[in-house]
C-alpha atoms as a PDB file:
ATOM      1  CA  MET A   1      19.796   5.639 -18.171  1.00  0.00           C
ATOM      2  CA  SER A   2      20.816   5.373 -14.560  1.00  0.00           C
ATOM      3  CA  THR A   3      19.803   8.301 -12.396  1.00  0.00           C
ATOM      4  CA  ARG A   4      22.111   7.346  -9.546  1.00  0.00           C
ATOM      5  CA  TRP A   5      25.773   8.192  -9.122  1.00  0.00           C
ATOM      6  CA  TYR A   6      27.905   5.356  -7.813  1.00  0.00           C
ATOM      7  CA  ARG A   7      31.311   5.602  -6.250  1.00  0.00           C
ATOM      8  CA  ILE A   8      34.200   4.844  -8.552  1.00  0.00           C
ATOM      9  CA  TYR A   9      35.319   1.233  -8.275  1.00  0.00           C
ATOM     10  CA  GLN A  10      38.606   0.952  -6.418  1.00  0.00           C
ATOM     11  CA  LYS A  11      40.697  -2.183  -6.512  1.00  0.00           C
ATOM     12  CA  GLY A  12      40.646  -3.980  -3.166  1.00  0.00           C
ATOM     13  CA  ASN A  13      37.568  -2.185  -1.860  1.00  0.00           C
ATOM     14  CA  PRO A  14      34.571  -3.449  -3.893  1.00  0.00           C
ATOM     15  CA  GLN A  15      32.054  -3.297  -1.019  1.00  0.00           C
ATOM     16  CA  LEU A  16      31.656   0.465  -1.501  1.00  0.00           C
ATOM     17  CA  ARG A  17      29.761  -0.085  -4.751  1.00  0.00           C
ATOM     18  CA  VAL A  18      26.052  -0.677  -4.144  1.00  0.00           C
ATOM     19  CA  PHE A  19      23.557  -1.192  -6.948  1.00  0.00           C
ATOM     20  CA  LEU A  20      19.984  -0.056  -6.356  1.00  0.00           C
ATOM     21  CA  PRO A  21      17.121  -0.534  -8.812  1.00  0.00           C
ATOM     22  CA  ASN A  22      16.026   2.471 -10.825  1.00  0.00           C
ATOM     23  CA  PHE A  23      12.534   1.085 -11.412  1.00  0.00           C
ATOM     24  CA  TRP A  24       9.492   0.645  -9.203  1.00  0.00           C
ATOM     25  CA  MET A  25       6.120  -1.019  -9.711  1.00  0.00           C
ATOM     26  CA  LYS A  26       2.923  -0.852  -7.696  1.00  0.00           C
ATOM     27  CA  ILE A  27      -0.018  -3.187  -8.181  1.00  0.00           C
ATOM     28  CA  VAL A  28      -3.367  -1.371  -8.115  1.00  0.00           C
ATOM     29  CA  ARG A  29      -6.973  -2.420  -8.026  1.00  0.00           C
ATOM     30  CA  PRO A  30      -8.550  -1.625 -11.432  1.00  0.00           C
ATOM     31  CA  GLN A  31     -11.320   0.989 -11.513  1.00  0.00           C
ATOM     32  CA  GLU A  32     -13.179  -0.699 -14.370  1.00  0.00           C
ATOM     33  CA  SER A  33     -13.978  -4.406 -14.306  1.00  0.00           C
ATOM     34  CA  GLN A  34     -11.423  -6.483 -16.217  1.00  0.00           C
ATOM     35  CA  LEU A  35     -10.845 -10.078 -17.142  1.00  0.00           C
ATOM     36  CA  PRO A  36      -9.377 -12.225 -14.332  1.00  0.00           C
ATOM     37  CA  ASN A  37      -6.101 -12.746 -16.216  1.00  0.00           C
ATOM     38  CA  ILE A  38      -5.282  -9.009 -16.498  1.00  0.00           C
ATOM     39  CA  VAL A  39      -3.333  -7.267 -13.725  1.00  0.00           C
ATOM     40  CA  GLU A  40      -2.902  -3.490 -13.505  1.00  0.00           C
ATOM     41  CA  PHE A  41       0.319  -1.823 -12.318  1.00  0.00           C
ATOM     42  CA  HIS A  42       1.551   1.720 -11.860  1.00  0.00           C
ATOM     43  CA  CYS A  43       5.235   1.877 -12.742  1.00  0.00           C
ATOM     44  CA  SER A  44       8.125   4.182 -13.436  1.00  0.00           C
ATOM     45  CA  ILE A  45       7.753   6.338 -16.566  1.00  0.00           C
ATOM     46  CA  GLU A  46      11.128   5.148 -17.865  1.00  0.00           C
ATOM     47  CA  MET A  47      10.092   1.474 -17.952  1.00  0.00           C
ATOM     48  CA  THR A  48       9.364  -0.097 -21.331  1.00  0.00           C
ATOM     49  CA  LYS A  49       7.084  -3.034 -22.063  1.00  0.00           C
ATOM     50  CA  TYR A  50      10.103  -5.324 -22.146  1.00  0.00           C
ATOM     51  CA  ASP A  51      11.384  -4.010 -18.812  1.00  0.00           C
ATOM     52  CA  ILE A  52       7.991  -4.654 -17.217  1.00  0.00           C
ATOM     53  CA  LYS A  53       7.768  -8.168 -18.641  1.00  0.00           C
ATOM     54  CA  ASN A  54      11.320  -9.040 -17.536  1.00  0.00           C
ATOM     55  CA  TYR A  55      10.737  -7.472 -14.096  1.00  0.00           C
ATOM     56  CA  LEU A  56       7.672  -9.631 -13.456  1.00  0.00           C
ATOM     57  CA  GLU A  57       9.182 -12.808 -14.914  1.00  0.00           C
ATOM     58  CA  LYS A  58      12.611 -12.607 -13.271  1.00  0.00           C
ATOM     59  CA  ILE A  59      11.780 -11.158  -9.859  1.00  0.00           C
ATOM     60  CA  TYR A  60       8.285 -12.530  -9.172  1.00  0.00           C
ATOM     61  CA  LYS A  61       8.400 -15.559 -11.499  1.00  0.00           C
ATOM     62  CA  ILE A  62       5.071 -14.703 -13.149  1.00  0.00           C
ATOM     63  CA  ASN A  63       4.329 -15.936 -16.657  1.00  0.00           C
ATOM     64  CA  VAL A  64       3.385 -12.845 -18.661  1.00  0.00           C
ATOM     65  CA  LYS A  65       1.893 -13.299 -22.112  1.00  0.00           C
ATOM     66  CA  ASP A  66       1.701  -9.624 -23.114  1.00  0.00           C
ATOM     67  CA  VAL A  67       2.107  -6.130 -21.641  1.00  0.00           C
ATOM     68  CA  ARG A  68       0.140  -3.049 -22.672  1.00  0.00           C
ATOM     69  CA  THR A  69       1.021   0.399 -21.380  1.00  0.00           C
ATOM     70  CA  ARG A  70      -0.442   3.881 -21.329  1.00  0.00           C
ATOM     71  CA  ILE A  71       0.525   7.138 -19.680  1.00  0.00           C
ATOM     72  CA  LYS A  72      -2.011   8.636 -17.304  1.00  0.00           C
ATOM     73  CA  MET A  73      -1.736  12.403 -17.118  1.00  0.00           C
ATOM     74  CA  GLY A  74      -1.437  13.927 -13.647  1.00  0.00           C
ATOM     75  CA  GLU A  75      -4.231  16.046 -12.233  1.00  0.00           C
ATOM     76  CA  PHE A  76      -4.188  19.835 -12.320  1.00  0.00           C
ATOM     77  CA  LYS A  77      -4.851  21.498  -8.976  1.00  0.00           C
ATOM     78  CA  LYS A  78      -5.034  25.083  -7.818  1.00  0.00           C
ATOM     79  CA  SER A  79      -2.620  25.854  -5.003  1.00  0.00           C
ATOM     80  CA  LEU A  80      -4.310  27.054  -1.823  1.00  0.00           C
ATOM     81  CA  ASP A  81      -1.604  29.444  -0.700  1.00  0.00           C
ATOM     82  CA  GLY A  82      -0.398  31.035  -3.949  1.00  0.00           C
ATOM     83  CA  GLY A  83      -3.372  30.640  -6.249  1.00  0.00           C
ATOM     84  CA  TYR A  84      -1.233  29.174  -9.025  1.00  0.00           C
ATOM     85  CA  ILE A  85      -1.850  25.871 -10.821  1.00  0.00           C
ATOM     86  CA  VAL A  86       0.094  22.742  -9.824  1.00  0.00           C
ATOM     87  CA  LYS A  87       0.225  19.538 -11.898  1.00  0.00           C
ATOM     88  CA  ASP A  88       0.813  16.092 -10.387  1.00  0.00           C
ATOM     89  CA  ASP A  89       3.379  13.796 -11.970  1.00  0.00           C
ATOM     90  CA  ASP A  90       2.342  11.602 -14.877  1.00  0.00           C
ATOM     91  CA  ILE A  91       2.034   7.862 -14.189  1.00  0.00           C
ATOM     92  CA  LYS A  92       2.656   4.982 -16.544  1.00  0.00           C
ATOM     93  CA  VAL A  93      -0.082   2.366 -16.236  1.00  0.00           C
ATOM     94  CA  ALA A  94       0.846  -1.152 -17.322  1.00  0.00           C
ATOM     95  CA  TYR A  95      -1.587  -3.994 -17.952  1.00  0.00           C
ATOM     96  CA  ALA A  96       0.079  -7.403 -17.650  1.00  0.00           C
ATOM     97  CA  ILE A  97      -1.878 -10.096 -19.483  1.00  0.00           C
ATOM     98  CA  LEU A  98      -1.424 -13.559 -18.002  1.00  0.00           C
ATOM     99  CA  PRO A  99      -2.151 -16.842 -19.806  1.00  0.00           C
ATOM    100  CA  LYS A 100      -5.853 -17.797 -19.997  1.00  0.00           C
ATOM    101  CA  GLU A 101      -5.592 -20.603 -17.454  1.00  0.00           C
ATOM    102  CA  GLU A 102      -4.077 -18.263 -14.829  1.00  0.00           C
ATOM    103  CA  SER A 103      -6.050 -15.638 -12.962  1.00  0.00           C
ATOM    104  CA  PHE A 104      -5.259 -12.994 -10.367  1.00  0.00           C
ATOM    105  CA  VAL A 105      -7.603 -12.215  -7.497  1.00  0.00           C
ATOM    106  CA  PHE A 106      -6.823  -9.573  -4.900  1.00  0.00           C
ATOM    107  CA  PRO A 107      -6.538 -11.096  -1.431  1.00  0.00           C
ATOM    108  CA  ASP A 108      -9.480 -10.423   0.869  1.00  0.00           C
ATOM    109  CA  ILE A 109      -7.718  -8.511   3.611  1.00  0.00           C
ATOM    110  CA  PHE A 110     -10.839  -7.449   5.444  1.00  0.00           C
ATOM    111  CA  SER A 111     -12.743 -10.693   5.651  1.00  0.00           C
ATOM    112  CA  VAL A 112     -16.131 -11.071   7.309  1.00  0.00           C
ATOM    113  CA  GLU A 113     -14.761 -13.476   9.915  1.00  0.00           C
ATOM    114  CA  ARG A 114     -12.135 -10.990  11.041  1.00  0.00           C
ATOM    115  CA  GLU A 115     -14.776  -8.275  11.374  1.00  0.00           C
ATOM    116  CA  LYS A 116     -16.964 -10.557  13.515  1.00  0.00           C
ATOM    117  CA  LYS A 117     -13.996 -11.350  15.782  1.00  0.00           C
ATOM    118  CA  GLU A 118     -13.192  -7.668  16.176  1.00  0.00           C
ATOM    119  CA  LYS A 119     -16.823  -6.869  17.070  1.00  0.00           C
ATOM    120  CA  LYS A 120     -16.838  -9.612  19.720  1.00  0.00           C
ATOM    121  CA  GLU A 121     -13.606  -8.265  21.212  1.00  0.00           C
ATOM    122  CA  GLU A 122     -14.999  -4.725  21.204  1.00  0.00           C
ATOM    123  CA  LYS A 123     -18.125  -5.884  23.054  1.00  0.00           C
ATOM    124  CA  ARG A 124     -15.969  -7.750  25.582  1.00  0.00           C
ATOM    125  CA  THR A 125     -13.750  -4.734  26.258  1.00  0.00           C
ATOM    126  CA  ILE A 126     -16.799  -2.460  26.625  1.00  0.00           C
ATOM    127  CA  GLU A 127     -18.289  -4.892  29.168  1.00  0.00           C
ATOM    128  CA  GLN A 128     -14.970  -4.965  31.070  1.00  0.00           C
ATOM    129  CA  MET A 129     -14.902  -1.162  31.122  1.00  0.00           C
ATOM    130  CA  LYS A 130     -18.472  -1.039  32.468  1.00  0.00           C
ATOM    131  CA  GLU A 131     -17.636  -3.534  35.219  1.00  0.00           C
ATOM    132  CA  GLY A 132     -14.523  -1.592  36.170  1.00  0.00           C
ATOM    133  CA  HIS A 133     -16.525   1.649  36.363  1.00  0.00           C
ATOM    134  CA  LYS A 134     -19.165  -0.020  38.559  1.00  0.00           C
ATOM    135  CA  LYS A 135     -16.419  -1.246  40.923  1.00  0.00           C
ATOM    136  CA  PHE A 136     -14.959   2.254  41.025  1.00  0.00           C
ATOM    137  CA  LEU A 137     -18.347   3.756  41.924  1.00  0.00           C
ATOM    138  CA  GLU A 138     -18.918   1.121  44.631  1.00  0.00           C
ATOM    139  CA  THR A 139     -15.568   1.838  46.307  1.00  0.00           C
ATOM    140  CA  ASN A 140     -16.511   5.526  46.751  1.00  0.00           C
ATOM    141  CA  ASN A 141     -18.668   5.112  49.861  1.00  0.00           C
ATOM    142  CA  LYS A 142     -17.799   8.437  51.514  1.00  0.00           C
ATOM    143  CA  PRO A 143     -20.744  10.809  51.109  1.00  0.00           C
ATOM    144  CA  GLY A 144     -19.969  14.408  50.238  1.00  0.00           C
ATOM    145  CA  ILE A 145     -16.331  13.677  49.202  1.00  0.00           C
ATOM    146  CA  PRO A 146     -15.435  13.234  45.534  1.00  0.00           C
ATOM    147  CA  GLY A 147     -14.087   9.844  44.489  1.00  0.00           C
ATOM    148  CA  TRP A 148     -10.825  11.230  43.190  1.00  0.00           C
ATOM    149  CA  PHE A 149     -10.068  12.746  46.601  1.00  0.00           C
ATOM    150  CA  GLY A 150     -10.074   9.558  48.637  1.00  0.00           C
ATOM    151  CA  ILE A 151      -7.194   7.120  48.716  1.00  0.00           C
END
């Protein structure tokens, strides 16, 4: 099942053999509203339900009650340069069901407080820019000569 070719093991030189995972998982925000104890993942097509459950339990230490999977068909698109049809890769979508007492909530990355801080900083920098421009205009006191010309 491995898609990678590893170097042949040689006695006395084991550090040449590196094992890399063949699977990947990506947590996604669900498009439809779901219960708080259901988490949606996009994962490798080759992964089975048991692989997904073991992956989450062993690596991330998450208690998983059940796993449901489906395969989402890739979109068909018309190529701009050749006019032929191109199909995106299929994606396996996995729904990990946690115990009832546990729930998963996406972290609020863009919080309101952070946005307020950024707006205050933007206002402050704009004010500093205005003051600097006023100082620049005040230093140009030579009539008829552009400001960039004087030193």
